Protein backbone atom coordinates (compact mmCIF):
# COMPACT_ATOMS: atom_id res chain seq x y z
CA MET A 1 0.00 0.00 0.00
CA ASN A 2 1.25 3.45 -0.85
CA MET A 3 2.29 5.00 2.44
CA SER A 4 4.25 8.01 1.19
CA ASN A 5 3.14 11.62 1.31
CA LYS A 6 2.82 11.61 -2.47
CA ARG A 7 -0.76 12.06 -3.66
CA ASN A 8 -2.48 8.72 -4.00
CA TYR A 9 -4.35 8.87 -7.29
CA GLY A 10 -5.73 5.40 -6.64
CA ILE A 11 -7.76 6.86 -3.77
CA ASP A 12 -8.93 9.70 -6.02
CA LEU A 13 -10.02 7.13 -8.58
CA LEU A 14 -11.85 5.19 -5.86
CA ARG A 15 -13.66 8.36 -4.79
CA ILE A 16 -14.94 8.73 -8.36
CA LEU A 17 -15.98 5.07 -8.51
CA ALA A 18 -17.72 5.29 -5.12
CA MET A 19 -19.84 8.26 -6.20
CA PHE A 20 -20.68 6.52 -9.49
CA MET A 21 -21.86 3.59 -7.38
CA VAL A 22 -23.94 5.94 -5.20
CA VAL A 23 -25.72 7.23 -8.30
CA ASN A 24 -26.33 3.62 -9.33
CA LEU A 25 -27.95 2.92 -5.96
CA HIS A 26 -30.27 5.89 -6.38
CA VAL A 27 -31.18 5.05 -9.98
CA LEU A 28 -32.04 1.53 -8.85
CA GLY A 29 -33.84 2.62 -5.67
CA HIS A 30 -35.39 6.07 -6.20
CA GLY A 31 -35.51 5.39 -9.92
CA GLY A 32 -37.86 2.45 -9.42
CA VAL A 33 -36.05 -0.56 -10.86
CA LEU A 34 -35.85 -2.51 -7.60
CA GLY A 35 -39.53 -1.97 -6.91
CA GLY A 36 -40.55 -2.74 -10.48
CA VAL A 37 -38.83 -6.06 -11.17
CA GLN A 38 -40.78 -9.23 -10.49
CA LEU A 39 -39.65 -11.38 -7.57
CA GLY A 40 -37.69 -14.43 -8.77
CA SER A 41 -37.22 -13.22 -12.35
CA VAL A 42 -33.85 -12.88 -14.06
CA ARG A 43 -34.33 -9.10 -14.05
CA TYR A 44 -34.88 -9.26 -10.28
CA MET A 45 -31.63 -11.17 -9.77
CA VAL A 46 -29.61 -8.85 -12.04
CA ALA A 47 -31.04 -5.66 -10.51
CA TRP A 48 -30.29 -6.83 -6.99
CA PHE A 49 -26.80 -7.95 -8.01
CA LEU A 50 -26.13 -4.39 -9.19
CA GLU A 51 -27.44 -3.20 -5.84
CA ALA A 52 -25.26 -5.63 -3.87
CA SER A 53 -22.12 -4.84 -5.86
CA THR A 54 -22.43 -1.08 -5.26
CA LEU A 55 -24.01 -0.99 -1.80
CA CYS A 56 -20.61 -0.48 -0.18
CA ALA A 57 -20.23 2.90 -1.93
CA VAL A 58 -21.23 5.12 1.01
CA ASN A 59 -19.03 3.15 3.40
CA VAL A 60 -16.14 3.51 0.95
CA TYR A 61 -16.62 7.27 0.74
CA ALA A 62 -16.58 7.53 4.55
CA LEU A 63 -13.53 5.24 4.83
CA ILE A 64 -11.69 7.45 2.33
CA SER A 65 -12.36 10.48 4.56
CA GLY A 66 -10.57 8.77 7.43
CA TYR A 67 -7.83 7.33 5.22
CA VAL A 68 -6.81 10.69 3.73
CA GLY A 69 -7.85 13.00 6.57
CA GLY A 70 -6.90 11.04 9.66
CA THR A 71 -3.86 13.24 10.31
CA SER A 72 -4.94 16.54 8.75
CA LYS A 73 -5.54 19.64 10.85
CA PHE A 74 -9.06 20.65 11.89
CA ARG A 75 -10.18 23.84 10.14
CA PHE A 76 -13.43 25.73 10.53
CA SER A 77 -13.01 26.90 6.95
CA ARG A 78 -13.64 23.32 5.81
CA LEU A 79 -17.05 23.35 7.49
CA LEU A 80 -17.90 26.77 6.10
CA GLY A 81 -16.85 25.70 2.63
CA LEU A 82 -19.02 22.60 2.86
CA TRP A 83 -21.99 24.67 4.06
CA LEU A 84 -21.59 27.15 1.19
CA GLN A 85 -21.32 24.34 -1.34
CA VAL A 86 -24.59 22.80 -0.20
CA VAL A 87 -26.45 26.11 0.20
CA PHE A 88 -25.34 27.18 -3.27
CA TYR A 89 -27.31 24.32 -4.81
CA THR A 90 -30.27 24.22 -2.45
CA VAL A 91 -30.94 27.96 -2.81
CA LEU A 92 -30.30 28.03 -6.56
CA ILE A 93 -32.54 25.04 -7.32
CA THR A 94 -35.27 26.23 -4.94
CA PHE A 95 -35.17 29.65 -6.61
CA PHE A 96 -35.54 27.99 -10.02
CA TYR A 97 -38.58 26.02 -8.89
CA THR A 98 -40.02 29.12 -7.25
CA ILE A 99 -40.01 30.82 -10.65
CA LYS A 100 -41.36 27.70 -12.36
CA ASN A 101 -44.08 26.77 -9.84
CA PRO A 102 -44.36 29.55 -7.22
CA GLU A 103 -47.62 28.17 -5.81
CA GLN A 104 -45.91 24.90 -4.82
CA ILE A 105 -43.04 26.49 -2.89
CA THR A 106 -43.65 26.93 0.84
CA LEU A 107 -41.82 28.87 3.53
CA SER A 108 -40.68 25.55 4.99
CA MET A 109 -38.99 24.67 1.69
CA TRP A 110 -37.03 27.91 1.78
CA LYS A 111 -36.04 27.23 5.38
CA ASN A 112 -34.73 23.84 4.27
CA ALA A 113 -32.86 25.47 1.39
CA LEU A 114 -31.16 28.06 3.62
CA PHE A 115 -30.35 25.59 6.42
CA PRO A 116 -29.92 22.25 4.60
CA ILE A 117 -27.52 20.73 7.10
CA CYS A 118 -29.56 21.61 10.18
CA THR A 119 -32.78 20.37 8.55
CA LYS A 120 -31.24 17.07 7.38
CA GLN A 121 -31.76 17.68 3.68
CA TYR A 122 -28.79 15.39 3.10
CA TRP A 123 -28.22 12.74 5.74
CA TYR A 124 -24.60 12.19 4.71
CA ILE A 125 -23.68 15.88 4.75
CA THR A 126 -25.36 16.36 8.13
CA GLY A 127 -23.58 13.28 9.50
CA TYR A 128 -20.23 14.37 8.09
CA PHE A 129 -20.71 17.89 9.48
CA GLY A 130 -21.24 16.42 12.93
CA LEU A 131 -18.26 14.10 12.44
CA TYR A 132 -16.04 17.03 11.54
CA LEU A 133 -17.08 18.90 14.69
CA MET A 134 -15.93 15.86 16.68
CA LEU A 135 -12.67 15.54 14.74
CA PRO A 136 -10.28 16.88 17.41
CA PHE A 137 -11.50 14.13 19.78
CA ILE A 138 -11.52 11.49 17.04
CA ARG A 139 -7.91 12.38 16.21
CA CYS A 140 -6.94 11.67 19.82
CA ILE A 141 -8.29 8.14 19.40
CA ILE A 142 -6.44 7.67 16.10
CA ASP A 143 -3.15 8.99 17.54
CA LYS A 144 -3.28 6.98 20.76
CA ILE A 145 -4.75 3.67 19.62
CA THR A 146 -2.32 0.76 19.32
CA LEU A 147 -2.54 -2.03 16.77
CA LYS A 148 -3.65 -4.48 19.46
CA ASP A 149 -6.36 -2.13 20.74
CA ALA A 150 -7.47 -1.38 17.18
CA LYS A 151 -8.01 -5.08 16.52
CA ILE A 152 -9.92 -5.62 19.78
CA TRP A 153 -11.97 -2.44 19.30
CA GLY A 154 -12.69 -3.38 15.69
CA ILE A 155 -14.02 -6.82 16.62
CA ILE A 156 -16.19 -5.45 19.44
CA LEU A 157 -17.74 -2.77 17.22
CA LEU A 158 -18.24 -5.27 14.40
CA VAL A 159 -20.25 -7.45 16.77
CA PHE A 160 -22.36 -4.73 18.39
CA PHE A 161 -22.66 -2.22 15.51
CA SER A 162 -22.91 -4.69 12.64
CA ILE A 163 -23.57 -8.37 13.33
CA PHE A 164 -26.15 -8.08 16.13
CA PRO A 165 -28.17 -5.26 14.49
CA SER A 166 -28.12 -7.06 11.11
CA VAL A 167 -29.06 -10.51 12.37
CA LEU A 168 -31.54 -9.43 15.05
CA GLN A 169 -32.89 -6.47 13.06
CA THR A 170 -32.61 -4.15 16.05
CA ASP A 171 -31.01 -0.74 16.51
CA PRO A 172 -30.07 -0.33 20.18
CA PHE A 173 -27.34 2.25 19.48
CA ASN A 174 -29.28 4.38 16.98
CA ILE A 175 -27.00 3.54 14.07
CA ALA A 176 -30.01 3.85 11.74
CA ASN A 177 -28.70 1.15 9.38
CA GLY A 178 -25.67 3.33 8.68
CA TYR A 179 -27.54 6.58 8.04
CA SER A 180 -26.04 8.32 11.07
CA MET A 181 -23.15 10.42 12.34
CA LEU A 182 -22.14 7.58 14.69
CA TRP A 183 -21.64 5.22 11.76
CA LEU A 184 -19.64 7.78 9.77
CA CYS A 185 -17.42 8.43 12.81
CA THR A 186 -16.80 4.70 13.15
CA LEU A 187 -15.87 4.34 9.48
CA TYR A 188 -13.64 7.43 9.66
CA ILE A 189 -11.61 5.87 12.46
CA VAL A 190 -11.47 2.53 10.64
CA GLY A 191 -10.21 4.23 7.48
CA ALA A 192 -7.53 6.09 9.47
CA CYS A 193 -6.44 2.87 11.21
CA ILE A 194 -6.22 1.04 7.87
CA LYS A 195 -3.69 3.63 6.70
CA LYS A 196 -1.87 3.85 10.04
CA TYR A 197 -1.31 0.10 10.32
CA ASN A 198 -1.18 -0.77 6.61
CA PHE A 199 -4.10 -3.18 7.01
CA LEU A 200 -4.11 -6.25 4.71
CA SER A 201 -0.75 -5.19 3.30
CA LYS A 202 0.39 -8.84 3.16
CA TRP A 203 -2.60 -9.86 1.09
CA SER A 204 -2.12 -10.19 -2.64
CA HIS A 205 -4.25 -8.16 -5.04
CA GLN A 206 -6.08 -11.35 -5.97
CA ARG A 207 -7.03 -12.11 -2.37
CA VAL A 208 -8.34 -8.57 -1.84
CA VAL A 209 -10.42 -8.76 -5.03
CA LEU A 210 -11.67 -12.20 -3.94
CA LEU A 211 -12.71 -10.74 -0.57
CA TYR A 212 -14.79 -8.11 -2.34
CA CYS A 213 -16.37 -10.63 -4.73
CA ILE A 214 -17.22 -13.13 -1.99
CA SER A 215 -18.72 -10.38 0.19
CA VAL A 216 -20.90 -9.12 -2.67
CA ILE A 217 -22.04 -12.58 -3.74
CA PHE A 218 -22.83 -13.56 -0.16
CA SER A 219 -24.91 -10.39 0.36
CA TRP A 220 -26.70 -10.87 -2.95
CA GLY A 221 -27.32 -14.57 -2.34
CA SER A 222 -28.76 -13.88 1.10
CA LYS A 223 -31.23 -11.41 -0.40
CA LEU A 224 -32.42 -13.89 -3.04
CA VAL A 225 -32.79 -16.75 -0.58
CA LEU A 226 -34.37 -14.84 2.32
CA ALA A 227 -36.80 -12.97 0.04
CA ASN A 228 -38.26 -16.31 -1.02
CA PHE A 229 -38.32 -18.15 2.30
CA ILE A 230 -38.90 -15.57 5.04
CA PRO A 231 -42.28 -13.79 5.17
CA LYS A 232 -42.17 -10.00 5.05
CA ASN A 233 -42.71 -8.20 8.33
CA ASP A 234 -43.80 -4.58 8.73
CA GLU A 235 -41.27 -4.02 11.52
CA LYS A 236 -38.34 -6.24 10.47
CA SER A 237 -36.81 -6.90 7.06
CA TYR A 238 -34.77 -10.07 7.39
CA GLU A 239 -34.34 -10.35 3.63
CA MET A 240 -32.18 -7.19 3.82
CA MET A 241 -30.07 -8.64 6.63
CA LEU A 242 -26.85 -8.45 4.58
CA MET A 243 -28.04 -5.75 2.19
CA GLN A 244 -27.48 -2.64 4.29
CA TYR A 245 -24.53 -0.37 5.03
CA ILE A 246 -23.88 -1.89 8.45
CA SER A 247 -23.91 -5.56 7.37
CA PRO A 248 -20.56 -7.34 7.93
CA THR A 249 -20.30 -8.43 4.29
CA ILE A 250 -20.82 -4.90 2.99
CA ILE A 251 -18.22 -3.61 5.46
CA LEU A 252 -15.71 -6.18 4.20
CA ALA A 253 -16.45 -5.23 0.59
CA SER A 254 -15.84 -1.56 1.48
CA ILE A 255 -12.52 -2.30 3.16
CA ALA A 256 -11.44 -4.51 0.25
CA LEU A 257 -12.01 -1.72 -2.28
CA LEU A 258 -10.16 0.83 -0.13
CA VAL A 259 -7.15 -1.45 0.29
CA LEU A 260 -7.15 -2.40 -3.39
CA PHE A 261 -7.32 1.13 -4.79
CA ALA A 262 -4.83 2.48 -2.25
CA ARG A 263 -2.26 0.26 -3.96
CA ILE A 264 -2.95 1.57 -7.45
CA ASN A 265 -0.18 3.67 -8.94
CA PHE A 266 -0.36 5.17 -12.41
CA GLU A 267 1.72 7.82 -14.15
CA ASN A 268 -0.33 8.48 -17.27
CA LYS A 269 -0.55 12.30 -17.35
CA ILE A 270 -3.89 12.36 -19.16
CA LEU A 271 -5.48 9.96 -16.67
CA ILE A 272 -3.98 11.86 -13.73
CA ARG A 273 -5.33 15.13 -15.10
CA LEU A 274 -8.78 13.60 -15.60
CA VAL A 275 -8.84 12.13 -12.11
CA THR A 276 -7.70 15.36 -10.45
CA ILE A 277 -10.48 17.28 -12.23
CA ILE A 278 -13.30 14.83 -11.50
CA SER A 279 -12.39 13.66 -7.98
CA PRO A 280 -12.96 17.02 -6.19
CA ALA A 281 -16.34 17.30 -7.94
CA THR A 282 -17.73 13.96 -6.73
CA LEU A 283 -19.42 15.27 -3.59
CA GLY A 284 -21.27 17.75 -5.77
CA VAL A 285 -22.78 14.85 -7.68
CA TYR A 286 -24.47 13.69 -4.49
CA ILE A 287 -25.59 17.19 -3.49
CA ILE A 288 -27.11 17.94 -6.90
CA HIS A 289 -29.03 14.78 -7.72
CA GLU A 290 -30.21 14.26 -4.12
CA GLN A 291 -31.54 17.81 -3.78
CA PHE A 292 -35.23 17.60 -2.87
CA PHE A 293 -36.65 19.02 -6.10
CA ILE A 294 -34.21 17.18 -8.36
CA LYS A 295 -34.81 13.88 -6.60
CA THR A 296 -38.59 14.34 -6.51
CA ASN A 297 -39.11 15.64 -10.04
CA ILE A 298 -36.33 13.93 -12.00
CA ILE A 299 -34.68 10.97 -10.25
CA THR A 300 -37.76 9.38 -8.66
CA GLY A 301 -39.28 6.95 -11.15
CA ILE A 302 -36.74 7.75 -13.86
CA SER A 303 -35.74 4.11 -14.36
CA LEU A 304 -39.05 2.37 -13.56
CA PRO A 305 -39.73 1.55 -17.26
CA TYR A 306 -36.42 -0.33 -17.39
CA ALA A 307 -37.90 -3.00 -15.12
CA LYS A 308 -40.22 -3.89 -18.03
CA ALA A 309 -37.51 -3.83 -20.71
CA GLU A 310 -37.63 -6.28 -23.60
CA ASN A 311 -34.91 -8.40 -22.02
CA THR A 312 -32.45 -8.34 -19.13
CA ILE A 313 -29.47 -7.21 -21.23
CA ILE A 314 -31.37 -4.17 -22.47
CA MET A 315 -32.43 -3.38 -18.89
CA LEU A 316 -28.81 -3.59 -17.77
CA PHE A 317 -27.57 -1.23 -20.48
CA GLN A 318 -30.42 1.21 -19.81
CA ILE A 319 -29.54 1.37 -16.12
CA ILE A 320 -25.83 1.88 -16.76
CA PHE A 321 -26.55 4.53 -19.39
CA MET A 322 -28.84 6.45 -17.04
CA VAL A 323 -26.27 6.29 -14.23
CA LEU A 324 -23.67 7.69 -16.64
CA VAL A 325 -25.99 10.50 -17.74
CA VAL A 326 -26.82 11.55 -14.18
CA PHE A 327 -23.20 11.28 -13.04
CA CYS A 328 -21.72 13.19 -15.98
CA CYS A 329 -24.34 15.96 -15.90
CA CYS A 330 -23.77 16.52 -12.18
CA ILE A 331 -19.97 16.42 -12.59
CA PHE A 332 -20.19 19.03 -15.35
CA VAL A 333 -22.33 21.35 -13.21
CA GLU A 334 -20.12 20.90 -10.14
CA ILE A 335 -16.94 21.66 -12.10
CA ILE A 336 -18.53 24.95 -13.19
CA ARG A 337 -19.43 25.68 -9.55
CA LEU A 338 -15.84 24.96 -8.47
CA LYS A 339 -14.48 27.35 -11.09
CA LEU A 340 -16.95 30.03 -10.03
CA PHE A 341 -15.91 29.68 -6.37
CA ARG A 342 -12.24 29.93 -7.41
CA LEU A 343 -12.91 33.12 -9.36
CA LEU A 344 -14.64 34.57 -6.29
CA HIS A 345 -11.80 33.33 -4.01
CA ILE A 346 -14.33 31.68 -1.71
CA ALA A 347 -11.79 29.24 -0.22
CA ASP A 348 -9.36 32.08 0.59
CA LYS A 349 -12.12 34.07 2.27
CA CYS A 350 -13.17 31.03 4.29
CA ARG A 351 -9.59 30.52 5.47
CA LEU A 352 -9.60 34.02 6.95
CA ILE A 353 -11.94 32.62 9.61
CA ASP A 354 -9.25 30.14 10.67
CA GLU A 355 -6.76 32.99 11.07
CA LYS A 356 -9.19 35.06 13.13
CA ILE A 357 -10.08 32.13 15.40
CA GLU A 358 -6.38 31.36 15.95
CA LYS A 359 -5.73 34.99 16.91
CA ILE A 360 -8.59 34.90 19.42
CA PHE A 361 -7.53 31.70 21.19
CA ILE A 362 -3.76 31.94 20.93
């Protein structure tokens, strides 16, 4: 694994892949494919295999945060920059829909647009914001923890945060199936420990790939089997036991991808240039296509007709094409937003806050 201070373009590439996988999850879920395919059909199996193979995406994105940021300095400007990035889109898109359909826009919608993080417009952004506020304390854990303690701590958390909640379908620690700040904090520390102790460094590339494949197939197989043999329950969803962010198989798949891509080294200047342009824009992809109006009016139901495609191959290509369209459109818009913020020197202005805070407390 690349442990030098040199920029790890493999991690940048993984960040791009992870966000592409996130879009795939939303096209399958919000888009309507998973709800539209018939239980037991070939389309059903293929659609859920796509879901299983990309379900680790959010975990991967959180692990990357810990892997690359585990030793970086806490800055308030980072939080302000994140807030401005989100508000830029929520206000802009809400303004557009206000012009288009003013009678449908309420005061509550504008409140959500102006305070998206506080009103949980994006669960991941809200969770990450809270994580970042806790970062000075999290860094103490990362700095002090030994390899032995990391292994013991990892096993204990795997049991109580993953295995028990997945198997028993309970949530005693309010992990919310991974949609929580607590889960993101846990993954952040895991990602930092993976880098600190060079986790799985003795494993060959083939073994790491095999770990990912086995984890995905096991998750997918469990869904197919349990969906047919266990009756649905309004309160518990045993068929999704291994098809959620916190499931042990999805965690292993996430770790496998992080370890695998952290080893990737490439020197192709064109590829490096492409990766360095796209990678910083990946979070914007999530913010744009998950914005309330975009998700409600465009993403929701967008892929439902694919569930009735002429054959499974056509359905597969339609899904992939739609994921590409959504991903590329959002990347294009976010790159423009990044250039605009650079022209306005937003990052420099945000960093002035760090200087003022340091002068106050030093």
